[in-house]
Full PDB file with SEQRES, HELIX, SHEET, SSBOND, CRYST1, ORIGX, SCALE, CONECT and MASTER records, all heavy atoms in Angstrom:
SEQRES   1 A   38  ALA GLU GLU ARG ALA LYS GLU LEU GLY ALA TYR CYS MET          
SEQRES   2 A   38  ALA HIS ILE LYS LYS LYS ASP GLY PRO ASN ALA ARG GLN          
SEQRES   3 A   38  LEU TYR ARG ILE PHE TYR TYR ASP CYS GLU PRO SER              
HELIX    1 AA1 GLU A    2  LYS A   17  1                                  16    
HELIX    2 AA2 GLY A   21  ASN A   23  5                                   3    
CRYST1    1.000    1.000    1.000  90.00  90.00  90.00 P 1           1          
ORIGX1      1.000000  0.000000  0.000000        0.00000                         
ORIGX2      0.000000  1.000000  0.000000        0.00000                         
ORIGX3      0.000000  0.000000  1.000000        0.00000                         
SCALE1      1.000000  0.000000  0.000000        0.00000                         
SCALE2      0.000000  1.000000  0.000000        0.00000                         
SCALE3      0.000000  0.000000  1.000000        0.00000                         
ATOM      1  N   ALA A   1      93.308  61.283   4.372  1.00  0.00           N  
ATOM      2  CA  ALA A   1      93.456  59.881   3.926  1.00  0.00           C  
ATOM      3  C   ALA A   1      92.327  59.026   4.493  1.00  0.00           C  
ATOM      4  O   ALA A   1      91.772  58.172   3.785  1.00  0.00           O  
ATOM      5  CB  ALA A   1      94.801  59.336   4.443  1.00  0.00           C  
ATOM      6  N   GLU A   2      91.937  59.251   5.763  1.00  0.00           N  
ATOM      7  CA  GLU A   2      90.847  58.513   6.360  1.00  0.00           C  
ATOM      8  C   GLU A   2      89.524  58.767   5.678  1.00  0.00           C  
ATOM      9  O   GLU A   2      88.754  57.840   5.408  1.00  0.00           O  
ATOM     10  CB  GLU A   2      90.750  58.838   7.843  1.00  0.00           C  
ATOM     11  CG  GLU A   2      89.705  58.002   8.585  1.00  0.00           C  
ATOM     12  CD  GLU A   2      89.620  58.343  10.077  1.00  0.00           C  
ATOM     13  OE1 GLU A   2      90.391  59.213  10.510  1.00  0.00           O  
ATOM     14  OE2 GLU A   2      88.815  57.689  10.762  1.00  0.00           O  
ATOM     15  N   GLU A   3      89.250  60.033   5.363  1.00  0.00           N  
ATOM     16  CA  GLU A   3      88.013  60.412   4.689  1.00  0.00           C  
ATOM     17  C   GLU A   3      87.937  59.809   3.272  1.00  0.00           C  
ATOM     18  O   GLU A   3      86.902  59.310   2.868  1.00  0.00           O  
ATOM     19  CB  GLU A   3      87.907  61.921   4.599  1.00  0.00           C  
ATOM     20  CG  GLU A   3      87.644  62.611   5.942  1.00  0.00           C  
ATOM     21  CD  GLU A   3      87.776  64.135   5.867  1.00  0.00           C  
ATOM     22  OE1 GLU A   3      88.404  64.617   4.878  1.00  0.00           O  
ATOM     23  OE2 GLU A   3      87.257  64.798   6.763  1.00  0.00           O  
ATOM     24  N   ARG A   4      89.079  59.833   2.555  1.00  0.00           N  
ATOM     25  CA  ARG A   4      89.078  59.289   1.198  1.00  0.00           C  
ATOM     26  C   ARG A   4      88.882  57.769   1.205  1.00  0.00           C  
ATOM     27  O   ARG A   4      88.189  57.215   0.359  1.00  0.00           O  
ATOM     28  CB  ARG A   4      90.408  59.633   0.514  1.00  0.00           C  
ATOM     29  CG  ARG A   4      90.490  59.214  -0.922  1.00  0.00           C  
ATOM     30  CD  ARG A   4      90.391  60.367  -1.903  1.00  0.00           C  
ATOM     31  NE  ARG A   4      89.096  60.963  -2.010  1.00  0.00           N  
ATOM     32  CZ  ARG A   4      88.864  62.248  -2.406  1.00  0.00           C  
ATOM     33  NH1 ARG A   4      89.872  63.030  -2.712  1.00  0.00           N  
ATOM     34  NH2 ARG A   4      87.651  62.700  -2.485  1.00  0.00           N  
ATOM     35  N   ALA A   5      89.487  57.094   2.195  1.00  0.00           N  
ATOM     36  CA  ALA A   5      89.308  55.638   2.333  1.00  0.00           C  
ATOM     37  C   ALA A   5      87.846  55.291   2.645  1.00  0.00           C  
ATOM     38  O   ALA A   5      87.288  54.362   2.078  1.00  0.00           O  
ATOM     39  CB  ALA A   5      90.232  55.105   3.398  1.00  0.00           C  
ATOM     40  N   LYS A   6      87.232  56.055   3.540  1.00  0.00           N  
ATOM     41  CA  LYS A   6      85.847  55.840   3.864  1.00  0.00           C  
ATOM     42  C   LYS A   6      84.950  56.106   2.653  1.00  0.00           C  
ATOM     43  O   LYS A   6      84.002  55.355   2.381  1.00  0.00           O  
ATOM     44  CB  LYS A   6      85.443  56.795   5.015  1.00  0.00           C  
ATOM     45  CG  LYS A   6      83.992  56.618   5.467  1.00  0.00           C  
ATOM     46  CD  LYS A   6      83.708  57.570   6.630  1.00  0.00           C  
ATOM     47  CE  LYS A   6      82.235  57.424   7.069  1.00  0.00           C  
ATOM     48  NZ  LYS A   6      81.906  58.358   8.184  1.00  0.00           N  
ATOM     49  N   GLU A   7      85.295  57.124   1.885  1.00  0.00           N  
ATOM     50  CA  GLU A   7      84.550  57.476   0.688  1.00  0.00           C  
ATOM     51  C   GLU A   7      84.632  56.328  -0.329  1.00  0.00           C  
ATOM     52  O   GLU A   7      83.619  55.926  -0.929  1.00  0.00           O  
ATOM     53  CB  GLU A   7      85.138  58.762   0.072  1.00  0.00           C  
ATOM     54  CG  GLU A   7      84.631  59.111  -1.338  1.00  0.00           C  
ATOM     55  CD  GLU A   7      85.588  60.037  -2.015  1.00  0.00           C  
ATOM     56  OE1 GLU A   7      85.437  61.266  -1.877  1.00  0.00           O  
ATOM     57  OE2 GLU A   7      86.512  59.527  -2.720  1.00  0.00           O  
ATOM     58  N   LEU A   8      85.832  55.754  -0.513  1.00  0.00           N  
ATOM     59  CA  LEU A   8      85.974  54.687  -1.487  1.00  0.00           C  
ATOM     60  C   LEU A   8      85.154  53.466  -1.056  1.00  0.00           C  
ATOM     61  O   LEU A   8      84.490  52.822  -1.886  1.00  0.00           O  
ATOM     62  CB  LEU A   8      87.468  54.280  -1.593  1.00  0.00           C  
ATOM     63  CG  LEU A   8      87.773  53.019  -2.450  1.00  0.00           C  
ATOM     64  CD1 LEU A   8      87.188  53.155  -3.845  1.00  0.00           C  
ATOM     65  CD2 LEU A   8      89.256  52.795  -2.506  1.00  0.00           C  
ATOM     66  N   GLY A   9      85.170  53.121   0.248  1.00  0.00           N  
ATOM     67  CA  GLY A   9      84.349  52.024   0.728  1.00  0.00           C  
ATOM     68  C   GLY A   9      82.852  52.270   0.404  1.00  0.00           C  
ATOM     69  O   GLY A   9      82.169  51.336  -0.025  1.00  0.00           O  
ATOM     70  N   ALA A  10      82.393  53.475   0.665  1.00  0.00           N  
ATOM     71  CA  ALA A  10      80.999  53.800   0.412  1.00  0.00           C  
ATOM     72  C   ALA A  10      80.667  53.783  -1.064  1.00  0.00           C  
ATOM     73  O   ALA A  10      79.601  53.358  -1.502  1.00  0.00           O  
ATOM     74  CB  ALA A  10      80.675  55.164   0.986  1.00  0.00           C  
ATOM     75  N   TYR A  11      81.615  54.254  -1.863  1.00  0.00           N  
ATOM     76  CA  TYR A  11      81.414  54.267  -3.341  1.00  0.00           C  
ATOM     77  C   TYR A  11      81.290  52.844  -3.888  1.00  0.00           C  
ATOM     78  O   TYR A  11      80.380  52.539  -4.685  1.00  0.00           O  
ATOM     79  CB  TYR A  11      82.621  54.938  -4.012  1.00  0.00           C  
ATOM     80  CG  TYR A  11      82.459  55.125  -5.506  1.00  0.00           C  
ATOM     81  CD1 TYR A  11      81.741  56.203  -6.027  1.00  0.00           C  
ATOM     82  CD2 TYR A  11      82.992  54.211  -6.420  1.00  0.00           C  
ATOM     83  CE1 TYR A  11      81.573  56.367  -7.387  1.00  0.00           C  
ATOM     84  CE2 TYR A  11      82.830  54.361  -7.756  1.00  0.00           C  
ATOM     85  CZ  TYR A  11      82.125  55.464  -8.258  1.00  0.00           C  
ATOM     86  OH  TYR A  11      81.973  55.585  -9.596  1.00  0.00           O  
ATOM     87  N   CYS A  12      82.150  51.909  -3.407  1.00  0.00           N  
ATOM     88  CA  CYS A  12      82.047  50.541  -3.843  1.00  0.00           C  
ATOM     89  C   CYS A  12      80.715  49.904  -3.367  1.00  0.00           C  
ATOM     90  O   CYS A  12      80.096  49.164  -4.152  1.00  0.00           O  
ATOM     91  CB  CYS A  12      83.235  49.748  -3.294  1.00  0.00           C  
ATOM     92  SG  CYS A  12      84.822  50.166  -4.060  1.00  0.00           S  
ATOM     93  N   MET A  13      80.312  50.189  -2.148  1.00  0.00           N  
ATOM     94  CA  MET A  13      79.090  49.609  -1.644  1.00  0.00           C  
ATOM     95  C   MET A  13      77.876  50.166  -2.372  1.00  0.00           C  
ATOM     96  O   MET A  13      76.817  49.501  -2.416  1.00  0.00           O  
ATOM     97  CB  MET A  13      78.989  49.836  -0.149  1.00  0.00           C  
ATOM     98  CG  MET A  13      79.954  49.039   0.716  1.00  0.00           C  
ATOM     99  SD  MET A  13      79.935  47.259   0.292  1.00  0.00           S  
ATOM    100  CE  MET A  13      78.233  46.805   0.695  1.00  0.00           C  
ATOM    101  N   ALA A  14      78.014  51.391  -2.926  1.00  0.00           N  
ATOM    102  CA  ALA A  14      76.906  51.914  -3.714  1.00  0.00           C  
ATOM    103  C   ALA A  14      76.635  51.043  -4.947  1.00  0.00           C  
ATOM    104  O   ALA A  14      75.479  50.921  -5.394  1.00  0.00           O  
ATOM    105  CB  ALA A  14      77.237  53.366  -4.176  1.00  0.00           C  
ATOM    106  N   HIS A  15      77.657  50.424  -5.481  1.00  0.00           N  
ATOM    107  CA  HIS A  15      77.497  49.476  -6.599  1.00  0.00           C  
ATOM    108  C   HIS A  15      76.689  48.270  -6.103  1.00  0.00           C  
ATOM    109  O   HIS A  15      75.792  47.803  -6.802  1.00  0.00           O  
ATOM    110  CB  HIS A  15      78.861  48.996  -7.056  1.00  0.00           C  
ATOM    111  CG  HIS A  15      79.453  49.853  -8.148  1.00  0.00           C  
ATOM    112  ND1 HIS A  15      78.909  49.932  -9.405  1.00  0.00           N  
ATOM    113  CD2 HIS A  15      80.551  50.622  -8.174  1.00  0.00           C  
ATOM    114  CE1 HIS A  15      79.641  50.735 -10.149  1.00  0.00           C  
ATOM    115  NE2 HIS A  15      80.655  51.169  -9.413  1.00  0.00           N  
ATOM    116  N   ILE A  16      77.020  47.741  -4.926  1.00  0.00           N  
ATOM    117  CA  ILE A  16      76.376  46.571  -4.414  1.00  0.00           C  
ATOM    118  C   ILE A  16      74.898  46.858  -4.097  1.00  0.00           C  
ATOM    119  O   ILE A  16      74.000  46.038  -4.393  1.00  0.00           O  
ATOM    120  CB  ILE A  16      77.060  46.089  -3.130  1.00  0.00           C  
ATOM    121  CG1 ILE A  16      78.545  45.737  -3.438  1.00  0.00           C  
ATOM    122  CG2 ILE A  16      76.366  44.876  -2.526  1.00  0.00           C  
ATOM    123  CD1 ILE A  16      78.727  44.666  -4.461  1.00  0.00           C  
ATOM    124  N   LYS A  17      74.607  48.024  -3.528  1.00  0.00           N  
ATOM    125  CA  LYS A  17      73.259  48.348  -3.094  1.00  0.00           C  
ATOM    126  C   LYS A  17      72.389  48.800  -4.272  1.00  0.00           C  
ATOM    127  O   LYS A  17      71.176  48.937  -4.126  1.00  0.00           O  
ATOM    128  CB  LYS A  17      73.308  49.475  -2.054  1.00  0.00           C  
ATOM    129  CG  LYS A  17      74.018  49.047  -0.769  1.00  0.00           C  
ATOM    130  CD  LYS A  17      74.142  50.217   0.189  1.00  0.00           C  
ATOM    131  CE  LYS A  17      74.920  49.838   1.467  1.00  0.00           C  
ATOM    132  NZ  LYS A  17      75.119  50.954   2.380  1.00  0.00           N  
ATOM    133  N   LYS A  18      73.022  49.027  -5.427  1.00  0.00           N  
ATOM    134  CA  LYS A  18      72.251  49.578  -6.559  1.00  0.00           C  
ATOM    135  C   LYS A  18      71.199  48.604  -7.102  1.00  0.00           C  
ATOM    136  O   LYS A  18      70.171  48.984  -7.603  1.00  0.00           O  
ATOM    137  CB  LYS A  18      73.198  49.990  -7.694  1.00  0.00           C  
ATOM    138  CG  LYS A  18      72.582  50.713  -8.844  1.00  0.00           C  
ATOM    139  CD  LYS A  18      73.579  51.253  -9.806  1.00  0.00           C  
ATOM    140  CE  LYS A  18      72.893  52.063 -10.920  1.00  0.00           C  
ATOM    141  NZ  LYS A  18      73.851  52.646 -11.845  1.00  0.00           N  
ATOM    142  N   LYS A  19      71.486  47.306  -6.978  1.00  0.00           N  
ATOM    143  CA  LYS A  19      70.608  46.302  -7.526  1.00  0.00           C  
ATOM    144  C   LYS A  19      69.848  45.571  -6.387  1.00  0.00           C  
ATOM    145  O   LYS A  19      70.394  45.367  -5.322  1.00  0.00           O  
ATOM    146  CB  LYS A  19      71.395  45.259  -8.308  1.00  0.00           C  
ATOM    147  CG  LYS A  19      72.189  45.811  -9.493  1.00  0.00           C  
ATOM    148  CD  LYS A  19      71.249  46.283 -10.602  1.00  0.00           C  
ATOM    149  CE  LYS A  19      72.052  46.747 -11.820  1.00  0.00           C  
ATOM    150  NZ  LYS A  19      71.185  47.152 -12.900  1.00  0.00           N  
ATOM    151  N   ASP A  20      68.627  45.263  -6.644  1.00  0.00           N  
ATOM    152  CA  ASP A  20      67.833  44.480  -5.651  1.00  0.00           C  
ATOM    153  C   ASP A  20      66.977  43.448  -6.366  1.00  0.00           C  
ATOM    154  O   ASP A  20      67.106  43.272  -7.577  1.00  0.00           O  
ATOM    155  CB  ASP A  20      66.953  45.408  -4.780  1.00  0.00           C  
ATOM    156  CG  ASP A  20      66.056  46.309  -5.637  1.00  0.00           C  
ATOM    157  OD1 ASP A  20      65.852  45.988  -6.818  1.00  0.00           O  
ATOM    158  OD2 ASP A  20      65.568  47.312  -5.088  1.00  0.00           O  
ATOM    159  N   GLY A  21      66.139  42.749  -5.617  1.00  0.00           N  
ATOM    160  CA  GLY A  21      65.298  41.739  -6.203  1.00  0.00           C  
ATOM    161  C   GLY A  21      66.158  40.568  -6.750  1.00  0.00           C  
ATOM    162  O   GLY A  21      67.162  40.209  -6.177  1.00  0.00           O  
ATOM    163  N   PRO A  22      65.775  40.014  -7.920  1.00  0.00           N  
ATOM    164  CA  PRO A  22      66.514  38.872  -8.471  1.00  0.00           C  
ATOM    165  C   PRO A  22      67.908  39.243  -8.923  1.00  0.00           C  
ATOM    166  O   PRO A  22      68.734  38.354  -9.124  1.00  0.00           O  
ATOM    167  CB  PRO A  22      65.615  38.458  -9.655  1.00  0.00           C  
ATOM    168  CG  PRO A  22      64.832  39.655  -9.997  1.00  0.00           C  
ATOM    169  CD  PRO A  22      64.579  40.369  -8.698  1.00  0.00           C  
ATOM    170  N   ASN A  23      68.155  40.545  -9.115  1.00  0.00           N  
ATOM    171  CA  ASN A  23      69.472  40.992  -9.547  1.00  0.00           C  
ATOM    172  C   ASN A  23      70.346  41.537  -8.391  1.00  0.00           C  
ATOM    173  O   ASN A  23      71.346  42.202  -8.610  1.00  0.00           O  
ATOM    174  CB  ASN A  23      69.334  42.109 -10.614  1.00  0.00           C  
ATOM    175  CG  ASN A  23      68.689  41.602 -11.873  1.00  0.00           C  
ATOM    176  OD1 ASN A  23      69.005  40.498 -12.349  1.00  0.00           O  
ATOM    177  ND2 ASN A  23      67.754  42.376 -12.426  1.00  0.00           N  
ATOM    178  N   ALA A  24      69.904  41.245  -7.144  1.00  0.00           N  
ATOM    179  CA  ALA A  24      70.651  41.742  -5.987  1.00  0.00           C  
ATOM    180  C   ALA A  24      72.059  41.235  -5.970  1.00  0.00           C  
ATOM    181  O   ALA A  24      72.338  40.077  -6.331  1.00  0.00           O  
ATOM    182  CB  ALA A  24      69.912  41.308  -4.725  1.00  0.00           C  
ATOM    183  N   ARG A  25      72.977  42.091  -5.553  1.00  0.00           N  
ATOM    184  CA  ARG A  25      74.403  41.755  -5.540  1.00  0.00           C  
ATOM    185  C   ARG A  25      74.880  41.414  -4.125  1.00  0.00           C  
ATOM    186  O   ARG A  25      74.440  42.040  -3.154  1.00  0.00           O  
ATOM    187  CB  ARG A  25      75.247  42.918  -6.080  1.00  0.00           C  
ATOM    188  CG  ARG A  25      75.034  43.152  -7.574  1.00  0.00           C  
ATOM    189  CD  ARG A  25      75.666  44.448  -8.016  1.00  0.00           C  
ATOM    190  NE  ARG A  25      75.583  44.634  -9.469  1.00  0.00           N  
ATOM    191  CZ  ARG A  25      75.744  45.773 -10.120  1.00  0.00           C  
ATOM    192  NH1 ARG A  25      76.016  46.864  -9.442  1.00  0.00           N  
ATOM    193  NH2 ARG A  25      75.686  45.797 -11.440  1.00  0.00           N  
ATOM    194  N   GLN A  26      75.760  40.473  -4.051  1.00  0.00           N  
ATOM    195  CA  GLN A  26      76.442  40.113  -2.807  1.00  0.00           C  
ATOM    196  C   GLN A  26      77.929  40.367  -3.007  1.00  0.00           C  
ATOM    197  O   GLN A  26      78.548  39.840  -3.918  1.00  0.00           O  
ATOM    198  CB  GLN A  26      76.197  38.631  -2.470  1.00  0.00           C  
ATOM    199  CG  GLN A  26      76.936  38.170  -1.213  1.00  0.00           C  
ATOM    200  CD  GLN A  26      76.756  36.665  -1.003  1.00  0.00           C  
ATOM    201  OE1 GLN A  26      76.252  35.981  -1.842  1.00  0.00           O  
ATOM    202  NE2 GLN A  26      77.216  36.197   0.144  1.00  0.00           N  
ATOM    203  N   LEU A  27      78.544  41.144  -2.126  1.00  0.00           N  
ATOM    204  CA  LEU A  27      79.958  41.505  -2.276  1.00  0.00           C  
ATOM    205  C   LEU A  27      80.849  40.291  -1.961  1.00  0.00           C  
ATOM    206  O   LEU A  27      80.742  39.718  -0.890  1.00  0.00           O  
ATOM    207  CB  LEU A  27      80.327  42.668  -1.370  1.00  0.00           C  
ATOM    208  CG  LEU A  27      81.804  43.082  -1.407  1.00  0.00           C  
ATOM    209  CD1 LEU A  27      82.194  43.615  -2.785  1.00  0.00           C  
ATOM    210  CD2 LEU A  27      82.107  44.147  -0.363  1.00  0.00           C  
ATOM    211  N   TYR A  28      81.687  39.929  -2.886  1.00  0.00           N  
ATOM    212  CA  TYR A  28      82.716  38.918  -2.650  1.00  0.00           C  
ATOM    213  C   TYR A  28      83.925  39.535  -1.994  1.00  0.00           C  
ATOM    214  O   TYR A  28      84.353  39.129  -0.924  1.00  0.00           O  
ATOM    215  CB  TYR A  28      83.077  38.238  -3.980  1.00  0.00           C  
ATOM    216  CG  TYR A  28      84.237  37.287  -3.843  1.00  0.00           C  
ATOM    217  CD1 TYR A  28      84.120  36.075  -3.166  1.00  0.00           C  
ATOM    218  CD2 TYR A  28      85.496  37.603  -4.408  1.00  0.00           C  
ATOM    219  CE1 TYR A  28      85.184  35.197  -3.055  1.00  0.00           C  
ATOM    220  CE2 TYR A  28      86.554  36.746  -4.289  1.00  0.00           C  
ATOM    221  CZ  TYR A  28      86.412  35.536  -3.609  1.00  0.00           C  
ATOM    222  OH  TYR A  28      87.475  34.677  -3.466  1.00  0.00           O  
ATOM    223  N   ARG A  29      84.505  40.520  -2.643  1.00  0.00           N  
ATOM    224  CA  ARG A  29      85.671  41.245  -2.103  1.00  0.00           C  
ATOM    225  C   ARG A  29      85.959  42.439  -2.952  1.00  0.00           C  
ATOM    226  O   ARG A  29      85.582  42.488  -4.153  1.00  0.00           O  
ATOM    227  CB  ARG A  29      86.870  40.296  -2.064  1.00  0.00           C  
ATOM    228  CG  ARG A  29      88.086  40.845  -1.270  1.00  0.00           C  
ATOM    229  CD  ARG A  29      89.062  39.717  -0.908  1.00  0.00           C  
ATOM    230  NE  ARG A  29      88.459  38.869   0.089  1.00  0.00           N  
ATOM    231  CZ  ARG A  29      88.479  37.539   0.047  1.00  0.00           C  
ATOM    232  NH1 ARG A  29      89.028  36.924  -0.977  1.00  0.00           N  
ATOM    233  NH2 ARG A  29      87.940  36.821   1.001  1.00  0.00           N  
ATOM    234  N   ILE A  30      86.582  43.442  -2.373  1.00  0.00           N  
ATOM    235  CA  ILE A  30      87.063  44.603  -3.110  1.00  0.00           C  
ATOM    236  C   ILE A  30      88.586  44.496  -3.230  1.00  0.00           C  
ATOM    237  O   ILE A  30      89.313  44.416  -2.225  1.00  0.00           O  
ATOM    238  CB  ILE A  30      86.687  45.915  -2.393  1.00  0.00           C  
ATOM    239  CG1 ILE A  30      85.160  46.048  -2.265  1.00  0.00           C  
ATOM    240  CG2 ILE A  30      87.261  47.130  -3.118  1.00  0.00           C  
ATOM    241  CD1 ILE A  30      84.723  47.164  -1.318  1.00  0.00           C  
ATOM    242  N   PHE A  31      89.070  44.453  -4.460  1.00  0.00           N  
ATOM    243  CA  PHE A  31      90.502  44.367  -4.706  1.00  0.00           C  
ATOM    244  C   PHE A  31      91.001  45.787  -5.074  1.00  0.00           C  
ATOM    245  O   PHE A  31      90.503  46.369  -6.036  1.00  0.00           O  
ATOM    246  CB  PHE A  31      90.800  43.399  -5.866  1.00  0.00           C  
ATOM    247  CG  PHE A  31      90.414  41.981  -5.584  1.00  0.00           C  
ATOM    248  CD1 PHE A  31      89.101  41.556  -5.772  1.00  0.00           C  
ATOM    249  CD2 PHE A  31      91.345  41.084  -5.124  1.00  0.00           C  
ATOM    250  CE1 PHE A  31      88.728  40.258  -5.525  1.00  0.00           C  
ATOM    251  CE2 PHE A  31      90.984  39.758  -4.835  1.00  0.00           C  
ATOM    252  CZ  PHE A  31      89.667  39.354  -5.067  1.00  0.00           C  
ATOM    253  N   TYR A  32      91.969  46.275  -4.301  1.00  0.00           N  
ATOM    254  CA  TYR A  32      92.461  47.616  -4.503  1.00  0.00           C  
ATOM    255  C   TYR A  32      93.919  47.546  -4.966  1.00  0.00           C  
ATOM    256  O   TYR A  32      94.772  46.956  -4.337  1.00  0.00           O  
ATOM    257  CB  TYR A  32      92.352  48.431  -3.205  1.00  0.00           C  
ATOM    258  CG  TYR A  32      92.896  49.854  -3.345  1.00  0.00           C  
ATOM    259  CD1 TYR A  32      92.096  50.832  -3.927  1.00  0.00           C  
ATOM    260  CD2 TYR A  32      94.175  50.169  -2.976  1.00  0.00           C  
ATOM    261  CE1 TYR A  32      92.572  52.115  -4.093  1.00  0.00           C  
ATOM    262  CE2 TYR A  32      94.643  51.465  -3.119  1.00  0.00           C  
ATOM    263  CZ  TYR A  32      93.857  52.418  -3.721  1.00  0.00           C  
ATOM    264  OH  TYR A  32      94.335  53.708  -3.903  1.00  0.00           O  
ATOM    265  N   TYR A  33      94.223  48.211  -6.127  1.00  0.00           N  
ATOM    266  CA  TYR A  33      95.541  48.152  -6.729  1.00  0.00           C  
ATOM    267  C   TYR A  33      96.199  49.532  -6.727  1.00  0.00           C  
ATOM    268  O   TYR A  33      95.573  50.518  -7.178  1.00  0.00           O  
ATOM    269  CB  TYR A  33      95.444  47.646  -8.180  1.00  0.00           C  
ATOM    270  CG  TYR A  33      94.692  46.356  -8.313  1.00  0.00           C  
ATOM    271  CD1 TYR A  33      93.315  46.357  -8.373  1.00  0.00           C  
ATOM    272  CD2 TYR A  33      95.368  45.152  -8.334  1.00  0.00           C  
ATOM    273  CE1 TYR A  33      92.595  45.134  -8.467  1.00  0.00           C  
ATOM    274  CE2 TYR A  33      94.683  43.924  -8.433  1.00  0.00           C  
ATOM    275  CZ  TYR A  33      93.295  43.959  -8.500  1.00  0.00           C  
ATOM    276  OH  TYR A  33      92.604  42.773  -8.573  1.00  0.00           O  
ATOM    277  N   ASP A  34      97.412  49.603  -6.250  1.00  0.00           N  
ATOM    278  CA  ASP A  34      98.089  50.887  -6.171  1.00  0.00           C  
ATOM    279  C   ASP A  34      99.588  50.671  -6.014  1.00  0.00           C  
ATOM    280  O   ASP A  34     100.075  49.531  -6.051  1.00  0.00           O  
ATOM    281  CB  ASP A  34      97.545  51.676  -4.951  1.00  0.00           C  
ATOM    282  CG  ASP A  34      97.571  53.173  -5.214  1.00  0.00           C  
ATOM    283  OD1 ASP A  34      98.440  53.659  -5.972  1.00  0.00           O  
ATOM    284  OD2 ASP A  34      96.745  53.887  -4.613  1.00  0.00           O  
ATOM    285  N   CYS A  35     100.334  51.768  -5.823  1.00  0.00           N  
ATOM    286  CA  CYS A  35     101.777  51.730  -5.581  1.00  0.00           C  
ATOM    287  C   CYS A  35     102.078  52.589  -4.365  1.00  0.00           C  
ATOM    288  O   CYS A  35     101.466  53.672  -4.205  1.00  0.00           O  
ATOM    289  CB  CYS A  35     102.596  52.195  -6.776  1.00  0.00           C  
ATOM    290  SG  CYS A  35     102.424  51.200  -8.221  1.00  0.00           S  
ATOM    291  N   GLU A  36     102.989  52.178  -3.535  1.00  0.00           N  
ATOM    292  CA  GLU A  36     103.465  53.069  -2.486  1.00  0.00           C  
ATOM    293  C   GLU A  36     104.234  54.217  -3.119  1.00  0.00           C  
ATOM    294  O   GLU A  36     104.830  54.053  -4.170  1.00  0.00           O  
ATOM    295  CB  GLU A  36     104.335  52.300  -1.503  1.00  0.00           C  
ATOM    296  CG  GLU A  36     103.607  51.312  -0.644  1.00  0.00           C  
ATOM    297  CD  GLU A  36     104.484  50.699   0.455  1.00  0.00           C  
ATOM    298  OE1 GLU A  36     105.698  50.850   0.370  1.00  0.00           O  
ATOM    299  OE2 GLU A  36     103.912  50.097   1.381  1.00  0.00           O  
ATOM    300  N   PRO A  37     104.225  55.392  -2.506  1.00  0.00           N  
ATOM    301  CA  PRO A  37     104.865  56.565  -3.085  1.00  0.00           C  
ATOM    302  C   PRO A  37     106.376  56.414  -3.145  1.00  0.00           C  
ATOM    303  O   PRO A  37     106.975  55.693  -2.376  1.00  0.00           O  
ATOM    304  CB  PRO A  37     104.446  57.701  -2.163  1.00  0.00           C  
ATOM    305  CG  PRO A  37     104.176  57.063  -0.856  1.00  0.00           C  
ATOM    306  CD  PRO A  37     103.579  55.712  -1.202  1.00  0.00           C  
ATOM    307  N   SER A  38     106.989  57.136  -4.093  1.00  0.00           N  
ATOM    308  CA  SER A  38     108.417  57.064  -4.275  1.00  0.00           C  
ATOM    309  C   SER A  38     109.180  57.833  -3.193  1.00  0.00           C  
ATOM    310  O   SER A  38     108.705  58.894  -2.725  1.00  0.00           O  
ATOM    311  CB  SER A  38     108.795  57.626  -5.661  1.00  0.00           C  
ATOM    312  OG  SER A  38     110.192  57.662  -5.827  1.00  0.00           O  
TER     313      SER A  38                                                      
MASTER        0    0    0    2    0    0    0    6  312    1    0    3          
END                                                                             
């Protein structure tokens, strides 16, 4: 669970870091949607 959470954070940040220069991105927030298990 810890590794997957860290991976998701890195994956999202890869989107932010993908652009630079005049198209550089600044992260506002990551919204995560899910359900607790039954």
